[in-house]
Amino acid sequence: MADFLTIALVCAKTLAAPDCSRDTALDVAVAPAATPIICLMQGETIAAQGGFVDRAETYLKITCERRRTAALEPDTAAQ
């Protein structure tokens, strides 16, 4: 399983880069990545293949997140 997620955010040029997030983006693409390097490299590829970015009105912001896993709770029924 990939340890990271590539997050490609397409944001309006009127939005400051620090304010561009999953909640404020016009479009979001997510893909698994094995390493941080692969994560950054595939971000622009994802956006380009999807035709997400209109350079006149939007910009692309790539972030990498560590994949979260749910903690397993002990099975209390077995006791």
PDB file of N, CA and C in Angstrom:
ATOM      1  N   MET A   1       0.846  -1.180   0.000  1.00  0.00           N
ATOM      2  CA  MET A   1       0.000   0.000   0.000  1.00  0.00           C
ATOM      3  C   MET A   1       0.893   1.245   0.000  1.00  0.00           C
ATOM      4  N   ALA A   2       0.448   2.247  -0.741  1.00  0.00           N
ATOM      5  CA  ALA A   2       1.184   3.511  -0.799  1.00  0.00           C
ATOM      6  C   ALA A   2       1.061   4.247   0.527  1.00  0.00           C
ATOM      7  N   ASP A   3       2.160   4.849   0.959  1.00  0.00           N
ATOM      8  CA  ASP A   3       2.171   5.555   2.234  1.00  0.00           C
ATOM      9  C   ASP A   3       1.730   7.006   2.116  1.00  0.00           C
ATOM     10  N   PHE A   4       1.691   7.526   0.884  1.00  0.00           N
ATOM     11  CA  PHE A   4       1.382   8.943   0.681  1.00  0.00           C
ATOM     12  C   PHE A   4       0.231   9.120  -0.296  1.00  0.00           C
ATOM     13  N   LEU A   5      -0.357  10.292  -0.254  1.00  0.00           N
ATOM     14  CA  LEU A   5      -1.382  10.681  -1.214  1.00  0.00           C
ATOM     15  C   LEU A   5      -0.942  11.959  -1.903  1.00  0.00           C
ATOM     16  N   THR A   6      -1.029  11.974  -3.218  1.00  0.00           N
ATOM     17  CA  THR A   6      -0.797  13.187  -3.984  1.00  0.00           C
ATOM     18  C   THR A   6      -2.123  13.922  -4.043  1.00  0.00           C
ATOM     19  N   ILE A   7      -2.121  15.187  -3.655  1.00  0.00           N
ATOM     20  CA  ILE A   7      -3.319  16.019  -3.712  1.00  0.00           C
ATOM     21  C   ILE A   7      -3.046  17.143  -4.705  1.00  0.00           C
ATOM     22  N   ALA A   8      -3.774  17.148  -5.807  1.00  0.00           N
ATOM     23  CA  ALA A   8      -3.651  18.206  -6.806  1.00  0.00           C
ATOM     24  C   ALA A   8      -4.858  19.129  -6.643  1.00  0.00           C
ATOM     25  N   LEU A   9      -4.592  20.367  -6.254  1.00  0.00           N
ATOM     26  CA  LEU A   9      -5.653  21.344  -6.015  1.00  0.00           C
ATOM     27  C   LEU A   9      -5.654  22.375  -7.134  1.00  0.00           C
ATOM     28  N   VAL A  10      -6.796  22.600  -7.733  1.00  0.00           N
ATOM     29  CA  VAL A  10      -6.944  23.641  -8.745  1.00  0.00           C
ATOM     30  C   VAL A  10      -7.690  24.789  -8.074  1.00  0.00           C
ATOM     31  N   CYS A  11      -7.011  25.927  -7.950  1.00  0.00           N
ATOM     32  CA  CYS A  11      -7.579  27.065  -7.232  1.00  0.00           C
ATOM     33  C   CYS A  11      -7.687  28.288  -8.134  1.00  0.00           C
ATOM     34  N   ALA A  12      -8.647  29.147  -7.834  1.00  0.00           N
ATOM     35  CA  ALA A  12      -8.823  30.394  -8.571  1.00  0.00           C
ATOM     36  C   ALA A  12      -7.646  31.309  -8.299  1.00  0.00           C
ATOM     37  N   LYS A  13      -7.220  32.043  -9.324  1.00  0.00           N
ATOM     38  CA  LYS A  13      -6.086  32.956  -9.157  1.00  0.00           C
ATOM     39  C   LYS A  13      -6.380  34.054  -8.140  1.00  0.00           C
ATOM     40  N   THR A  14      -7.637  34.288  -7.853  1.00  0.00           N
ATOM     41  CA  THR A  14      -8.002  35.307  -6.866  1.00  0.00           C
ATOM     42  C   THR A  14      -7.786  34.815  -5.437  1.00  0.00           C
ATOM     43  N   LEU A  15      -7.507  33.523  -5.271  1.00  0.00           N
ATOM     44  CA  LEU A  15      -7.288  32.925  -3.954  1.00  0.00           C
ATOM     45  C   LEU A  15      -5.794  32.845  -3.669  1.00  0.00           C
ATOM     46  N   ALA A  16      -5.368  33.359  -2.534  1.00  0.00           N
ATOM     47  CA  ALA A  16      -3.949  33.307  -2.149  1.00  0.00           C
ATOM     48  C   ALA A  16      -3.529  31.854  -1.946  1.00  0.00           C
ATOM     49  N   ALA A  17      -2.304  31.525  -2.323  1.00  0.00           N
ATOM     50  CA  ALA A  17      -1.801  30.153  -2.226  1.00  0.00           C
ATOM     51  C   ALA A  17      -1.938  29.546  -0.823  1.00  0.00           C
ATOM     52  N   PRO A  18      -1.647  30.290   0.262  1.00  0.00           N
ATOM     53  CA  PRO A  18      -1.813  29.685   1.594  1.00  0.00           C
ATOM     54  C   PRO A  18      -3.279  29.325   1.910  1.00  0.00           C
ATOM     55  N   ASP A  19      -4.222  29.979   1.231  1.00  0.00           N
ATOM     56  CA  ASP A  19      -5.644  29.713   1.473  1.00  0.00           C
ATOM     57  C   ASP A  19      -6.200  28.609   0.586  1.00  0.00           C
ATOM     58  N   CYS A  20      -5.402  28.132  -0.369  1.00  0.00           N
ATOM     59  CA  CYS A  20      -5.833  27.063  -1.271  1.00  0.00           C
ATOM     60  C   CYS A  20      -5.762  25.736  -0.522  1.00  0.00           C
ATOM     61  N   SER A  21      -6.911  25.097  -0.350  1.00  0.00           N
ATOM     62  CA  SER A  21      -6.979  23.830   0.381  1.00  0.00           C
ATOM     63  C   SER A  21      -8.038  22.947  -0.269  1.00  0.00           C
ATOM     64  N   ARG A  22      -8.219  21.762   0.248  1.00  0.00           N
ATOM     65  CA  ARG A  22      -9.261  20.878  -0.289  1.00  0.00           C
ATOM     66  C   ARG A  22     -10.635  21.548  -0.201  1.00  0.00           C
ATOM     67  N   ASP A  23     -10.843  22.350   0.819  1.00  0.00           N
ATOM     68  CA  ASP A  23     -12.141  22.994   1.012  1.00  0.00           C
ATOM     69  C   ASP A  23     -12.370  24.168   0.077  1.00  0.00           C
ATOM     70  N   THR A  24     -11.316  24.867  -0.313  1.00  0.00           N
ATOM     71  CA  THR A  24     -11.471  26.079  -1.118  1.00  0.00           C
ATOM     72  C   THR A  24     -11.156  25.873  -2.597  1.00  0.00           C
ATOM     73  N   ALA A  25     -10.606  24.733  -2.964  1.00  0.00           N
ATOM     74  CA  ALA A  25     -10.219  24.466  -4.354  1.00  0.00           C
ATOM     75  C   ALA A  25     -11.447  24.303  -5.243  1.00  0.00           C
ATOM     76  N   LEU A  26     -11.284  24.670  -6.513  1.00  0.00           N
ATOM     77  CA  LEU A  26     -12.337  24.483  -7.500  1.00  0.00           C
ATOM     78  C   LEU A  26     -12.440  23.024  -7.916  1.00  0.00           C
ATOM     79  N   ASP A  27     -11.307  22.339  -7.889  1.00  0.00           N
ATOM     80  CA  ASP A  27     -11.262  20.923  -8.237  1.00  0.00           C
ATOM     81  C   ASP A  27     -10.141  20.269  -7.452  1.00  0.00           C
ATOM     82  N   VAL A  28     -10.329  18.992  -7.126  1.00  0.00           N
ATOM     83  CA  VAL A  28      -9.340  18.252  -6.344  1.00  0.00           C
ATOM     84  C   VAL A  28      -9.162  16.872  -6.976  1.00  0.00           C
ATOM     85  N   ALA A  29      -7.917  16.468  -7.152  1.00  0.00           N
ATOM     86  CA  ALA A  29      -7.608  15.113  -7.617  1.00  0.00           C
ATOM     87  C   ALA A  29      -6.686  14.480  -6.590  1.00  0.00           C
ATOM     88  N   VAL A  30      -6.946  13.222  -6.259  1.00  0.00           N
ATOM     89  CA  VAL A  30      -6.161  12.507  -5.248  1.00  0.00           C
ATOM     90  C   VAL A  30      -5.688  11.185  -5.845  1.00  0.00           C
ATOM     91  N   ALA A  31      -4.427  10.850  -5.612  1.00  0.00           N
ATOM     92  CA  ALA A  31      -3.871   9.582  -6.094  1.00  0.00           C
ATOM     93  C   ALA A  31      -2.849   9.058  -5.097  1.00  0.00           C
ATOM     94  N   PRO A  32      -2.729   7.739  -4.972  1.00  0.00           N
ATOM     95  CA  PRO A  32      -1.723   7.169  -4.072  1.00  0.00           C
ATOM     96  C   PRO A  32      -0.322   7.355  -4.630  1.00  0.00           C
ATOM     97  N   ALA A  33       0.653   7.460  -3.726  1.00  0.00           N
ATOM     98  CA  ALA A  33       2.061   7.594  -4.111  1.00  0.00           C
ATOM     99  C   ALA A  33       2.924   6.828  -3.115  1.00  0.00           C
ATOM    100  N   ALA A  34       3.944   6.182  -3.619  1.00  0.00           N
ATOM    101  CA  ALA A  34       4.803   5.370  -2.760  1.00  0.00           C
ATOM    102  C   ALA A  34       5.790   6.199  -1.950  1.00  0.00           C
ATOM    103  N   THR A  35       6.275   7.312  -2.517  1.00  0.00           N
ATOM    104  CA  THR A  35       7.273   8.140  -1.838  1.00  0.00           C
ATOM    105  C   THR A  35       6.923   9.616  -2.019  1.00  0.00           C
ATOM    106  N   PRO A  36       7.508  10.503  -1.203  1.00  0.00           N
ATOM    107  CA  PRO A  36       7.258  11.936  -1.379  1.00  0.00           C
ATOM    108  C   PRO A  36       7.709  12.455  -2.746  1.00  0.00           C
ATOM    109  N   ILE A  37       8.785  11.921  -3.283  1.00  0.00           N
ATOM    110  CA  ILE A  37       9.274  12.357  -4.602  1.00  0.00           C
ATOM    111  C   ILE A  37       8.253  12.001  -5.678  1.00  0.00           C
ATOM    112  N   ILE A  38       7.775  10.776  -5.661  1.00  0.00           N
ATOM    113  CA  ILE A  38       6.760  10.359  -6.627  1.00  0.00           C
ATOM    114  C   ILE A  38       5.504  11.190  -6.447  1.00  0.00           C
ATOM    115  N   CYS A  39       5.174  11.487  -5.230  1.00  0.00           N
ATOM    116  CA  CYS A  39       4.003  12.304  -4.924  1.00  0.00           C
ATOM    117  C   CYS A  39       4.074  13.644  -5.653  1.00  0.00           C
ATOM    118  N   LEU A  40       5.183  14.332  -5.527  1.00  0.00           N
ATOM    119  CA  LEU A  40       5.328  15.638  -6.170  1.00  0.00           C
ATOM    120  C   LEU A  40       5.390  15.522  -7.689  1.00  0.00           C
ATOM    121  N   MET A  41       6.045  14.487  -8.180  1.00  0.00           N
ATOM    122  CA  MET A  41       6.195  14.322  -9.621  1.00  0.00           C
ATOM    123  C   MET A  41       4.853  14.023 -10.303  1.00  0.00           C
ATOM    124  N   GLN A  42       4.012  13.250  -9.655  1.00  0.00           N
ATOM    125  CA  GLN A  42       2.777  12.864 -10.322  1.00  0.00           C
ATOM    126  C   GLN A  42       1.666  13.896 -10.196  1.00  0.00           C
ATOM    127  N   GLY A  43       1.807  14.873  -9.330  1.00  0.00           N
ATOM    128  CA  GLY A  43       0.762  15.879  -9.152  1.00  0.00           C
ATOM    129  C   GLY A  43       0.420  16.634 -10.420  1.00  0.00           C
ATOM    130  N   GLU A  44       1.437  17.153 -11.099  1.00  0.00           N
ATOM    131  CA  GLU A  44       1.182  17.896 -12.332  1.00  0.00           C
ATOM    132  C   GLU A  44       0.685  16.979 -13.440  1.00  0.00           C
ATOM    133  N   THR A  45       1.156  15.746 -13.454  1.00  0.00           N
ATOM    134  CA  THR A  45       0.697  14.791 -14.459  1.00  0.00           C
ATOM    135  C   THR A  45      -0.792  14.516 -14.296  1.00  0.00           C
ATOM    136  N   ILE A  46      -1.221  14.339 -13.069  1.00  0.00           N
ATOM    137  CA  ILE A  46      -2.643  14.100 -12.800  1.00  0.00           C
ATOM    138  C   ILE A  46      -3.483  15.259 -13.310  1.00  0.00           C
ATOM    139  N   ALA A  47      -3.076  16.457 -12.984  1.00  0.00           N
ATOM    140  CA  ALA A  47      -3.828  17.645 -13.392  1.00  0.00           C
ATOM    141  C   ALA A  47      -3.825  17.804 -14.912  1.00  0.00           C
ATOM    142  N   ALA A  48      -2.683  17.555 -15.539  1.00  0.00           N
ATOM    143  CA  ALA A  48      -2.590  17.702 -16.996  1.00  0.00           C
ATOM    144  C   ALA A  48      -3.454  16.668 -17.707  1.00  0.00           C
ATOM    145  N   GLN A  49      -3.431  15.442 -17.238  1.00  0.00           N
ATOM    146  CA  GLN A  49      -4.226  14.391 -17.872  1.00  0.00           C
ATOM    147  C   GLN A  49      -5.719  14.648 -17.720  1.00  0.00           C
ATOM    148  N   GLY A  50      -6.087  15.244 -16.609  1.00  0.00           N
ATOM    149  CA  GLY A  50      -7.499  15.525 -16.375  1.00  0.00           C
ATOM    150  C   GLY A  50      -7.971  16.811 -17.016  1.00  0.00           C
ATOM    151  N   GLY A  51      -7.043  17.614 -17.529  1.00  0.00           N
ATOM    152  CA  GLY A  51      -7.417  18.883 -18.140  1.00  0.00           C
ATOM    153  C   GLY A  51      -8.010  19.864 -17.146  1.00  0.00           C
ATOM    154  N   PHE A  52      -7.536  19.800 -15.912  1.00  0.00           N
ATOM    155  CA  PHE A  52      -8.112  20.614 -14.842  1.00  0.00           C
ATOM    156  C   PHE A  52      -7.761  22.097 -14.902  1.00  0.00           C
ATOM    157  N   VAL A  53      -6.556  22.417 -15.348  1.00  0.00           N
ATOM    158  CA  VAL A  53      -6.050  23.770 -15.154  1.00  0.00           C
ATOM    159  C   VAL A  53      -6.266  24.662 -16.378  1.00  0.00           C
ATOM    160  N   ASP A  54      -6.915  25.799 -16.153  1.00  0.00           N
ATOM    161  CA  ASP A  54      -7.040  26.866 -17.141  1.00  0.00           C
ATOM    162  C   ASP A  54      -6.112  27.960 -16.644  1.00  0.00           C
ATOM    163  N   ARG A  55      -4.907  28.035 -17.182  1.00  0.00           N
ATOM    164  CA  ARG A  55      -3.855  28.922 -16.656  1.00  0.00           C
ATOM    165  C   ARG A  55      -4.273  30.388 -16.586  1.00  0.00           C
ATOM    166  N   ALA A  56      -5.268  30.794 -17.351  1.00  0.00           N
ATOM    167  CA  ALA A  56      -5.701  32.197 -17.330  1.00  0.00           C
ATOM    168  C   ALA A  56      -6.458  32.533 -16.052  1.00  0.00           C
ATOM    169  N   GLU A  57      -7.166  31.548 -15.486  1.00  0.00           N
ATOM    170  CA  GLU A  57      -8.020  31.839 -14.333  1.00  0.00           C
ATOM    171  C   GLU A  57      -7.713  31.010 -13.090  1.00  0.00           C
ATOM    172  N   THR A  58      -6.885  29.977 -13.236  1.00  0.00           N
ATOM    173  CA  THR A  58      -6.606  29.098 -12.097  1.00  0.00           C
ATOM    174  C   THR A  58      -5.114  28.793 -12.004  1.00  0.00           C
ATOM    175  N   TYR A  59      -4.728  28.205 -10.879  1.00  0.00           N
ATOM    176  CA  TYR A  59      -3.361  27.705 -10.714  1.00  0.00           C
ATOM    177  C   TYR A  59      -3.423  26.363 -10.014  1.00  0.00           C
ATOM    178  N   LEU A  60      -2.344  25.638 -10.112  1.00  0.00           N
ATOM    179  CA  LEU A  60      -2.256  24.303  -9.548  1.00  0.00           C
ATOM    180  C   LEU A  60      -1.383  24.324  -8.303  1.00  0.00           C
ATOM    181  N   LYS A  61      -1.864  23.695  -7.262  1.00  0.00           N
ATOM    182  CA  LYS A  61      -1.089  23.544  -6.029  1.00  0.00           C
ATOM    183  C   LYS A  61      -1.034  22.051  -5.720  1.00  0.00           C
ATOM    184  N   ILE A  62       0.185  21.543  -5.557  1.00  0.00           N
ATOM    185  CA  ILE A  62       0.379  20.128  -5.263  1.00  0.00           C
ATOM    186  C   ILE A  62       0.793  19.983  -3.803  1.00  0.00           C
ATOM    187  N   THR A  63       0.125  19.094  -3.095  1.00  0.00           N
ATOM    188  CA  THR A  63       0.527  18.772  -1.731  1.00  0.00           C
ATOM    189  C   THR A  63       0.623  17.259  -1.597  1.00  0.00           C
ATOM    190  N   CYS A  64       1.397  16.828  -0.643  1.00  0.00           N
ATOM    191  CA  CYS A  64       1.537  15.402  -0.350  1.00  0.00           C
ATOM    192  C   CYS A  64       1.129  15.192   1.102  1.00  0.00           C
ATOM    193  N   GLU A  65       0.329  14.180   1.302  1.00  0.00           N
ATOM    194  CA  GLU A  65      -0.123  13.863   2.660  1.00  0.00           C
ATOM    195  C   GLU A  65       0.231  12.420   2.962  1.00  0.00           C
ATOM    196  N   ARG A  66       0.569  12.185   4.198  1.00  0.00           N
ATOM    197  CA  ARG A  66       0.773  10.808   4.634  1.00  0.00           C
ATOM    198  C   ARG A  66      -0.606  10.163   4.766  1.00  0.00           C
ATOM    199  N   ARG A  67      -0.721   8.969   4.218  1.00  0.00           N
ATOM    200  CA  ARG A  67      -2.005   8.259   4.284  1.00  0.00           C
ATOM    201  C   ARG A  67      -2.345   7.952   5.739  1.00  0.00           C
ATOM    202  N   ARG A  68      -3.561   8.190   6.112  1.00  0.00           N
ATOM    203  CA  ARG A  68      -4.018   7.895   7.479  1.00  0.00           C
ATOM    204  C   ARG A  68      -4.619   6.496   7.519  1.00  0.00           C
ATOM    205  N   THR A  69      -4.373   5.812   8.602  1.00  0.00           N
ATOM    206  CA  THR A  69      -4.978   4.497   8.778  1.00  0.00           C
ATOM    207  C   THR A  69      -5.774   4.513  10.068  1.00  0.00           C
ATOM    208  N   ALA A  70      -6.880   3.849  10.049  1.00  0.00           N
ATOM    209  CA  ALA A  70      -7.724   3.788  11.238  1.00  0.00           C
ATOM    210  C   ALA A  70      -7.073   2.870  12.265  1.00  0.00           C
ATOM    211  N   ALA A  71      -7.106   3.293  13.497  1.00  0.00           N
ATOM    212  CA  ALA A  71      -6.561   2.446  14.580  1.00  0.00           C
ATOM    213  C   ALA A  71      -7.512   1.287  14.824  1.00  0.00           C
ATOM    214  N   LEU A  72      -6.962   0.134  14.986  1.00  0.00           N
ATOM    215  CA  LEU A  72      -7.784  -1.034  15.266  1.00  0.00           C
ATOM    216  C   LEU A  72      -8.139  -1.077  16.736  1.00  0.00           C
ATOM    217  N   GLU A  73      -9.407  -1.249  16.994  1.00  0.00           N
ATOM    218  CA  GLU A  73      -9.850  -1.346  18.383  1.00  0.00           C
ATOM    219  C   GLU A  73      -9.886  -2.817  18.778  1.00  0.00           C
ATOM    220  N   PRO A  74      -9.531  -3.121  20.017  1.00  0.00           N
ATOM    221  CA  PRO A  74      -9.569  -4.527  20.448  1.00  0.00           C
ATOM    222  C   PRO A  74     -11.006  -5.065  20.386  1.00  0.00           C
ATOM    223  N   ASP A  75     -11.107  -6.312  20.029  1.00  0.00           N
ATOM    224  CA  ASP A  75     -12.416  -6.958  19.946  1.00  0.00           C
ATOM    225  C   ASP A  75     -12.867  -7.338  21.357  1.00  0.00           C
ATOM    226  N   THR A  76     -13.765  -6.538  21.927  1.00  0.00           N
ATOM    227  CA  THR A  76     -14.215  -6.781  23.305  1.00  0.00           C
ATOM    228  C   THR A  76     -15.212  -7.937  23.365  1.00  0.00           C
ATOM    229  N   ALA A  77     -15.824  -8.309  22.249  1.00  0.00           N
ATOM    230  CA  ALA A  77     -16.793  -9.401  22.238  1.00  0.00           C
ATOM    231  C   ALA A  77     -16.119 -10.747  22.483  1.00  0.00           C
ATOM    232  N   ALA A  78     -14.839 -10.854  22.154  1.00  0.00           N
ATOM    233  CA  ALA A  78     -14.106 -12.114  22.311  1.00  0.00           C
ATOM    234  C   ALA A  78     -13.722 -12.381  23.758  1.00  0.00           C
ATOM    235  N   GLN A  79     -13.852 -11.410  24.616  1.00  0.00           N
ATOM    236  CA  GLN A  79     -13.417 -11.593  26.018  1.00  0.00           C
ATOM    237  C   GLN A  79     -14.493 -12.126  26.878  1.00  0.00           C
TER     238      GLN A  79
END
